[in-house]
């Protein structure tokens, strides 16, 4: 597990509606976010844009 998370662990816990959050959840969620963003960046570039837009997600 790395320390370069782009999500905020405390916000993940806040969003869990009072449930406990496993220590691995923020890291797995971070992996998903990075994958989605990587694909969005690739799509924006493929469309000749320098701006990632919601439609790229």
N, C-alpha and C. Protein backbone atom coordinates (compact mmCIF):
# COMPACT_ATOMS: atom_id res chain seq x y z
N UNK A 1 0.84 -1.18 0.00
CA UNK A 1 0.00 0.00 0.00
C UNK A 1 0.88 1.24 0.00
N UNK A 2 0.55 2.14 -0.88
CA UNK A 2 1.39 3.33 -1.00
C UNK A 2 0.75 4.51 -0.29
N UNK A 3 1.54 5.55 -0.09
CA UNK A 3 1.03 6.74 0.60
C UNK A 3 0.62 7.83 -0.37
N UNK A 4 0.60 7.56 -1.65
CA UNK A 4 0.25 8.58 -2.64
C UNK A 4 -1.23 8.49 -3.05
N UNK A 5 -2.10 8.38 -2.04
CA UNK A 5 -3.53 8.30 -2.29
C UNK A 5 -4.04 9.63 -2.86
N UNK A 6 -4.96 9.55 -3.81
CA UNK A 6 -5.57 10.77 -4.32
C UNK A 6 -6.97 10.96 -3.73
N UNK A 7 -7.37 10.00 -2.90
CA UNK A 7 -8.63 10.16 -2.18
C UNK A 7 -8.30 10.44 -0.72
N UNK A 8 -9.28 10.90 0.02
CA UNK A 8 -9.07 11.24 1.43
C UNK A 8 -9.74 10.17 2.29
N UNK A 9 -8.92 9.46 3.06
CA UNK A 9 -9.44 8.35 3.87
C UNK A 9 -10.56 8.80 4.80
N UNK A 10 -10.40 9.94 5.42
CA UNK A 10 -11.42 10.43 6.36
C UNK A 10 -12.75 10.68 5.66
N UNK A 11 -12.70 11.14 4.42
CA UNK A 11 -13.94 11.39 3.67
C UNK A 11 -14.62 10.08 3.31
N UNK A 12 -13.85 9.04 3.02
CA UNK A 12 -14.42 7.73 2.74
C UNK A 12 -15.16 7.23 3.98
N UNK A 13 -14.54 7.39 5.13
CA UNK A 13 -15.18 6.97 6.38
C UNK A 13 -16.43 7.79 6.64
N UNK A 14 -16.37 9.09 6.42
CA UNK A 14 -17.55 9.95 6.62
C UNK A 14 -18.70 9.51 5.72
N UNK A 15 -18.40 9.08 4.53
CA UNK A 15 -19.41 8.69 3.54
C UNK A 15 -20.05 7.33 3.85
N UNK A 16 -19.45 6.57 4.76
CA UNK A 16 -19.90 5.20 5.03
C UNK A 16 -21.13 5.13 5.92
N UNK A 17 -21.74 6.25 6.23
CA UNK A 17 -22.99 6.30 7.00
C UNK A 17 -22.88 5.57 8.34
N UNK A 18 -21.78 5.80 9.04
CA UNK A 18 -21.61 5.24 10.37
C UNK A 18 -21.05 3.83 10.42
N UNK A 19 -20.89 3.19 9.27
CA UNK A 19 -20.31 1.85 9.26
C UNK A 19 -18.80 1.93 9.36
N UNK A 20 -18.21 0.90 9.89
CA UNK A 20 -16.75 0.82 9.91
C UNK A 20 -16.26 0.59 8.49
N UNK A 21 -15.07 1.08 8.22
CA UNK A 21 -14.47 0.92 6.89
C UNK A 21 -13.17 0.16 7.05
N UNK A 22 -13.05 -0.95 6.33
CA UNK A 22 -11.83 -1.75 6.39
C UNK A 22 -10.62 -0.93 5.95
N UNK A 23 -9.48 -1.24 6.51
CA UNK A 23 -8.28 -0.47 6.20
C UNK A 23 -7.89 -0.55 4.73
N UNK A 24 -8.33 -1.61 4.04
CA UNK A 24 -7.97 -1.77 2.63
C UNK A 24 -8.91 -1.03 1.69
N UNK A 25 -10.07 -0.62 2.18
CA UNK A 25 -11.06 0.03 1.31
C UNK A 25 -10.54 1.30 0.64
N UNK A 26 -9.94 2.24 1.38
CA UNK A 26 -9.44 3.44 0.71
C UNK A 26 -8.42 3.14 -0.39
N UNK A 27 -7.60 2.14 -0.18
CA UNK A 27 -6.58 1.80 -1.17
C UNK A 27 -7.18 1.19 -2.43
N UNK A 28 -8.18 0.33 -2.26
CA UNK A 28 -8.86 -0.26 -3.41
C UNK A 28 -9.67 0.79 -4.16
N UNK A 29 -10.33 1.67 -3.42
CA UNK A 29 -11.06 2.77 -4.03
C UNK A 29 -10.12 3.68 -4.80
N UNK A 30 -8.96 3.93 -4.24
CA UNK A 30 -7.95 4.75 -4.91
C UNK A 30 -7.52 4.14 -6.23
N UNK A 31 -7.36 2.82 -6.24
CA UNK A 31 -6.99 2.12 -7.49
C UNK A 31 -8.05 2.34 -8.56
N UNK A 32 -9.33 2.23 -8.16
CA UNK A 32 -10.43 2.43 -9.11
C UNK A 32 -10.45 3.85 -9.66
N UNK A 33 -10.27 4.82 -8.77
CA UNK A 33 -10.28 6.22 -9.20
C UNK A 33 -9.14 6.48 -10.18
N UNK A 34 -7.97 5.96 -9.88
CA UNK A 34 -6.82 6.15 -10.77
C UNK A 34 -7.05 5.50 -12.12
N UNK A 35 -7.68 4.32 -12.14
CA UNK A 35 -7.97 3.65 -13.40
C UNK A 35 -8.96 4.46 -14.23
N UNK A 36 -10.01 4.95 -13.60
CA UNK A 36 -11.00 5.77 -14.31
C UNK A 36 -10.35 7.04 -14.85
N UNK A 37 -9.51 7.68 -14.05
CA UNK A 37 -8.85 8.90 -14.50
C UNK A 37 -7.86 8.63 -15.63
N UNK A 38 -7.14 7.52 -15.55
CA UNK A 38 -6.20 7.18 -16.61
C UNK A 38 -6.93 7.02 -17.94
N UNK A 39 -8.06 6.31 -17.90
CA UNK A 39 -8.86 6.13 -19.12
C UNK A 39 -9.42 7.47 -19.62
N UNK A 40 -9.82 8.32 -18.70
CA UNK A 40 -10.37 9.63 -19.08
C UNK A 40 -9.29 10.50 -19.74
N UNK A 41 -8.09 10.46 -19.20
CA UNK A 41 -6.98 11.22 -19.78
C UNK A 41 -6.69 10.71 -21.19
N UNK A 42 -6.65 9.40 -21.34
CA UNK A 42 -6.40 8.81 -22.67
C UNK A 42 -7.48 9.22 -23.66
N UNK A 43 -8.73 9.24 -23.22
CA UNK A 43 -9.83 9.61 -24.11
C UNK A 43 -9.73 11.08 -24.51
N UNK A 44 -9.41 11.94 -23.55
CA UNK A 44 -9.27 13.37 -23.86
C UNK A 44 -8.15 13.58 -24.88
N UNK A 45 -7.02 12.92 -24.66
CA UNK A 45 -5.90 13.04 -25.60
C UNK A 45 -6.29 12.52 -26.98
N UNK A 46 -6.99 11.39 -27.02
CA UNK A 46 -7.40 10.80 -28.30
C UNK A 46 -8.34 11.72 -29.06
N UNK A 47 -9.06 12.56 -28.34
CA UNK A 47 -9.98 13.50 -28.96
C UNK A 47 -9.33 14.87 -29.19
N UNK A 48 -8.01 14.93 -29.03
CA UNK A 48 -7.27 16.15 -29.31
C UNK A 48 -7.50 17.27 -28.31
N UNK A 49 -7.92 16.91 -27.10
CA UNK A 49 -8.15 17.92 -26.07
C UNK A 49 -7.08 17.87 -25.00
N UNK A 50 -6.88 18.99 -24.35
CA UNK A 50 -5.96 19.06 -23.22
C UNK A 50 -6.73 19.21 -21.92
N UNK A 51 -8.04 19.03 -21.97
CA UNK A 51 -8.89 19.14 -20.81
C UNK A 51 -9.67 17.85 -20.64
N UNK A 52 -9.59 17.27 -19.46
CA UNK A 52 -10.39 16.08 -19.16
C UNK A 52 -11.76 16.59 -18.74
N UNK A 53 -12.79 16.04 -19.36
CA UNK A 53 -14.17 16.47 -19.07
C UNK A 53 -14.96 15.31 -18.48
N UNK A 54 -16.09 15.62 -17.88
CA UNK A 54 -16.93 14.59 -17.27
C UNK A 54 -17.30 13.52 -18.28
N UNK A 55 -17.50 13.93 -19.52
CA UNK A 55 -17.87 12.94 -20.55
C UNK A 55 -16.75 11.92 -20.82
N UNK A 56 -15.54 12.23 -20.42
CA UNK A 56 -14.43 11.29 -20.59
C UNK A 56 -14.46 10.18 -19.54
N UNK A 57 -15.16 10.42 -18.46
CA UNK A 57 -15.24 9.42 -17.40
C UNK A 57 -16.12 8.27 -17.83
